[in-house]
Every structure is written in C-alpha cells, then in structure tokens.
C-alpha cells in the first residue's frame, strides 16, 4: 500500500496484514478456489479491504475446521480495533467466505 497516496504507514501495514491473512485462510480452507481482493480508498486516508474466498466448485460448504483455526482472525480483529476500524468475517449464502475491514 502506497503511503504517498494519503494512507498512513500504520494503515498500510494493517491492510497488508488483512490481505495476507485472507489469502492464507483461502489456501488453508479452500485450496484451488478463486480469491478476490479489493483495496479501495475511503475518505481522508482510510481504506476498505475485502478478501472473498470463493467456494470451490464441486466442494460442499462447511466441514470441520482444521486445528488451530481462528487465531489469525482474532489477531486481525484486535489490530483493526486498535486502529479504530471495523472488522467482519464469515460465510455468504453461496458458500463464499468474506473477510472485510474498514480502516480510518
């Protein structure tokens, strides 16, 4: 994330970490599925970050999560809260998983 574009270095690092965690989770929970990443400017130096992991075709939604699941998301929620932003994650109706953050 280019800090010269009005985004603070801290906001850029947080956005980078959100995308990194989203991609890691996609590889872990939906290997081979398509992933979409969107980072968009929001107001005065803020960002909206979204990582959508598409449910792989022919793979049923759900199933037991791998061991150790969730600790990265907890850390992201804490990081985003400390930055004064909002963080959500969870499944969509079609089985896609969305990780979304709004950073000031």
C-alpha atoms as a PDB file:
ATOM      1  CA  UNK A   1       0.000   0.000   0.000  1.00  0.00           C
ATOM      2  CA  UNK A   2       1.498   3.323  -1.079  1.00  0.00           C
ATOM      3  CA  UNK A   3       1.707   5.646   1.929  1.00  0.00           C
ATOM      4  CA  UNK A   4       2.222   8.503  -0.541  1.00  0.00           C
ATOM      5  CA  UNK A   5      -1.395   8.083  -1.621  1.00  0.00           C
ATOM      6  CA  UNK A   6      -2.666   9.601   1.651  1.00  0.00           C
ATOM      7  CA  UNK A   7      -2.596   6.352   3.636  1.00  0.00           C
ATOM      8  CA  UNK A   8      -0.530   6.276   6.820  1.00  0.00           C
ATOM      9  CA  UNK A   9       2.186   3.660   7.135  1.00  0.00           C
ATOM     10  CA  UNK A  10       0.268   2.023  10.005  1.00  0.00           C
ATOM     11  CA  UNK A  11      -2.923   1.794   7.927  1.00  0.00           C
ATOM     12  CA  UNK A  12      -0.947   0.358   5.026  1.00  0.00           C
ATOM     13  CA  UNK A  13       0.611  -2.309   7.245  1.00  0.00           C
ATOM     14  CA  UNK A  14      -2.775  -3.221   8.682  1.00  0.00           C
ATOM     15  CA  UNK A  15      -4.280  -3.520   5.188  1.00  0.00           C
ATOM     16  CA  UNK A  16      -1.340  -5.675   4.084  1.00  0.00           C
ATOM     17  CA  UNK A  17      -1.825  -7.966   7.090  1.00  0.00           C
ATOM     18  CA  UNK A  18      -5.558  -8.308   6.371  1.00  0.00           C
ATOM     19  CA  UNK A  19      -4.891  -9.375   2.782  1.00  0.00           C
ATOM     20  CA  UNK A  20      -2.113 -11.721   3.908  1.00  0.00           C
ATOM     21  CA  UNK A  21      -4.397 -13.448   6.432  1.00  0.00           C
ATOM     22  CA  UNK A  22      -7.245 -13.652   3.915  1.00  0.00           C
ATOM     23  CA  UNK A  23      -5.019 -15.327   1.332  1.00  0.00           C
ATOM     24  CA  UNK A  24      -3.572 -17.700   3.916  1.00  0.00           C
ATOM     25  CA  UNK A  25      -7.069 -18.706   5.024  1.00  0.00           C
ATOM     26  CA  UNK A  26      -8.182 -19.228   1.425  1.00  0.00           C
ATOM     27  CA  UNK A  27      -5.260 -21.575   0.774  1.00  0.00           C
ATOM     28  CA  UNK A  28      -5.888 -23.406   4.034  1.00  0.00           C
ATOM     29  CA  UNK A  29      -9.684 -23.758   3.835  1.00  0.00           C
ATOM     30  CA  UNK A  30     -10.416 -23.663   0.086  1.00  0.00           C
ATOM     31  CA  UNK A  31      -7.343 -24.796  -1.847  1.00  0.00           C
ATOM     32  CA  UNK A  32      -7.755 -24.294  -5.568  1.00  0.00           C
ATOM     33  CA  UNK A  33     -10.682 -21.902  -5.208  1.00  0.00           C
ATOM     34  CA  UNK A  34     -10.683 -18.414  -6.714  1.00  0.00           C
ATOM     35  CA  UNK A  35      -9.977 -15.489  -4.390  1.00  0.00           C
ATOM     36  CA  UNK A  36     -10.838 -11.832  -4.951  1.00  0.00           C
ATOM     37  CA  UNK A  37      -9.024  -8.985  -3.199  1.00  0.00           C
ATOM     38  CA  UNK A  38     -10.241  -5.391  -3.190  1.00  0.00           C
ATOM     39  CA  UNK A  39      -8.486  -2.443  -1.548  1.00  0.00           C
ATOM     40  CA  UNK A  40     -10.242   0.894  -2.036  1.00  0.00           C
ATOM     41  CA  UNK A  41      -9.675   4.417  -0.746  1.00  0.00           C
ATOM     42  CA  UNK A  42     -12.190   5.625   1.794  1.00  0.00           C
ATOM     43  CA  UNK A  43     -12.322   9.252   2.862  1.00  0.00           C
ATOM     44  CA  UNK A  44      -9.263  11.029   4.203  1.00  0.00           C
ATOM     45  CA  UNK A  45      -6.581   8.347   4.088  1.00  0.00           C
ATOM     46  CA  UNK A  46      -8.883   5.483   5.037  1.00  0.00           C
ATOM     47  CA  UNK A  47      -9.208   2.144   3.294  1.00  0.00           C
ATOM     48  CA  UNK A  48     -11.748  -0.592   2.738  1.00  0.00           C
ATOM     49  CA  UNK A  49     -10.188  -4.031   2.397  1.00  0.00           C
ATOM     50  CA  UNK A  50     -12.083  -7.126   1.301  1.00  0.00           C
ATOM     51  CA  UNK A  51     -10.910 -10.670   0.619  1.00  0.00           C
ATOM     52  CA  UNK A  52     -13.512 -13.047  -0.818  1.00  0.00           C
ATOM     53  CA  UNK A  53     -12.677 -16.751  -0.967  1.00  0.00           C
ATOM     54  CA  UNK A  54     -14.957 -18.419  -3.465  1.00  0.00           C
ATOM     55  CA  UNK A  55     -16.267 -21.853  -2.623  1.00  0.00           C
ATOM     56  CA  UNK A  56     -14.526 -24.320  -4.890  1.00  0.00           C
ATOM     57  CA  UNK A  57     -16.846 -25.843  -7.488  1.00  0.00           C
ATOM     58  CA  UNK A  58     -17.827 -29.381  -6.546  1.00  0.00           C
ATOM     59  CA  UNK A  59     -16.722 -28.945  -2.929  1.00  0.00           C
ATOM     60  CA  UNK A  60     -19.502 -28.881  -0.335  1.00  0.00           C
ATOM     61  CA  UNK A  61     -19.645 -25.895   2.006  1.00  0.00           C
ATOM     62  CA  UNK A  62     -18.844 -26.497   5.648  1.00  0.00           C
ATOM     63  CA  UNK A  63     -16.985 -29.318   7.275  1.00  0.00           C
ATOM     64  CA  UNK A  64     -14.826 -29.319  10.378  1.00  0.00           C
ATOM     65  CA  UNK A  65     -12.186 -26.588  10.526  1.00  0.00           C
ATOM     66  CA  UNK A  66      -8.507 -27.557  10.706  1.00  0.00           C
ATOM     67  CA  UNK A  67      -6.813 -27.452  14.130  1.00  0.00           C
ATOM     68  CA  UNK A  68      -5.683 -24.006  15.270  1.00  0.00           C
ATOM     69  CA  UNK A  69      -8.311 -22.239  13.172  1.00  0.00           C
ATOM     70  CA  UNK A  70      -9.332 -18.712  14.144  1.00  0.00           C
ATOM     71  CA  UNK A  71      -6.302 -17.313  15.945  1.00  0.00           C
ATOM     72  CA  UNK A  72      -5.245 -15.199  12.950  1.00  0.00           C
ATOM     73  CA  UNK A  73      -8.723 -13.691  12.717  1.00  0.00           C
ATOM     74  CA  UNK A  74      -8.691 -12.846  16.423  1.00  0.00           C
ATOM     75  CA  UNK A  75      -5.393 -11.027  15.966  1.00  0.00           C
ATOM     76  CA  UNK A  76      -6.747  -9.135  12.955  1.00  0.00           C
ATOM     77  CA  UNK A  77      -9.858  -8.078  14.840  1.00  0.00           C
ATOM     78  CA  UNK A  78      -7.662  -6.711  17.625  1.00  0.00           C
ATOM     79  CA  UNK A  79      -5.348  -4.926  15.180  1.00  0.00           C
ATOM     80  CA  UNK A  80      -8.250  -3.311  13.305  1.00  0.00           C
ATOM     81  CA  UNK A  81      -9.951  -2.275  16.565  1.00  0.00           C
ATOM     82  CA  UNK A  82      -6.734  -0.631  17.782  1.00  0.00           C
ATOM     83  CA  UNK A  83      -6.639   1.316  14.516  1.00  0.00           C
ATOM     84  CA  UNK A  84     -10.221   2.495  15.132  1.00  0.00           C
ATOM     85  CA  UNK A  85     -11.665   0.445  12.279  1.00  0.00           C
ATOM     86  CA  UNK A  86     -14.296  -2.233  11.824  1.00  0.00           C
ATOM     87  CA  UNK A  87     -13.682  -5.903  11.000  1.00  0.00           C
ATOM     88  CA  UNK A  88     -16.101  -8.622   9.935  1.00  0.00           C
ATOM     89  CA  UNK A  89     -15.697 -12.102   8.513  1.00  0.00           C
ATOM     90  CA  UNK A  90     -17.922 -15.024   7.741  1.00  0.00           C
ATOM     91  CA  UNK A  91     -19.702 -17.027   5.074  1.00  0.00           C
ATOM     92  CA  UNK A  92     -22.070 -15.697   2.427  1.00  0.00           C
ATOM     93  CA  UNK A  93     -25.160 -17.625   1.370  1.00  0.00           C
ATOM     94  CA  UNK A  94     -23.473 -19.283  -1.624  1.00  0.00           C
ATOM     95  CA  UNK A  95     -20.617 -20.658   0.472  1.00  0.00           C
ATOM     96  CA  UNK A  96     -18.073 -17.907  -0.245  1.00  0.00           C
ATOM     97  CA  UNK A  97     -16.173 -16.580   2.763  1.00  0.00           C
ATOM     98  CA  UNK A  98     -15.733 -12.817   3.160  1.00  0.00           C
ATOM     99  CA  UNK A  99     -13.156 -11.025   5.255  1.00  0.00           C
ATOM    100  CA  UNK A 100     -13.780  -7.252   5.330  1.00  0.00           C
ATOM    101  CA  UNK A 101     -12.217  -4.323   7.171  1.00  0.00           C
ATOM    102  CA  UNK A 102     -12.781  -0.586   7.144  1.00  0.00           C
ATOM    103  CA  UNK A 103      -9.802   1.437   8.319  1.00  0.00           C
ATOM    104  CA  UNK A 104      -9.888   5.155   9.168  1.00  0.00           C
END
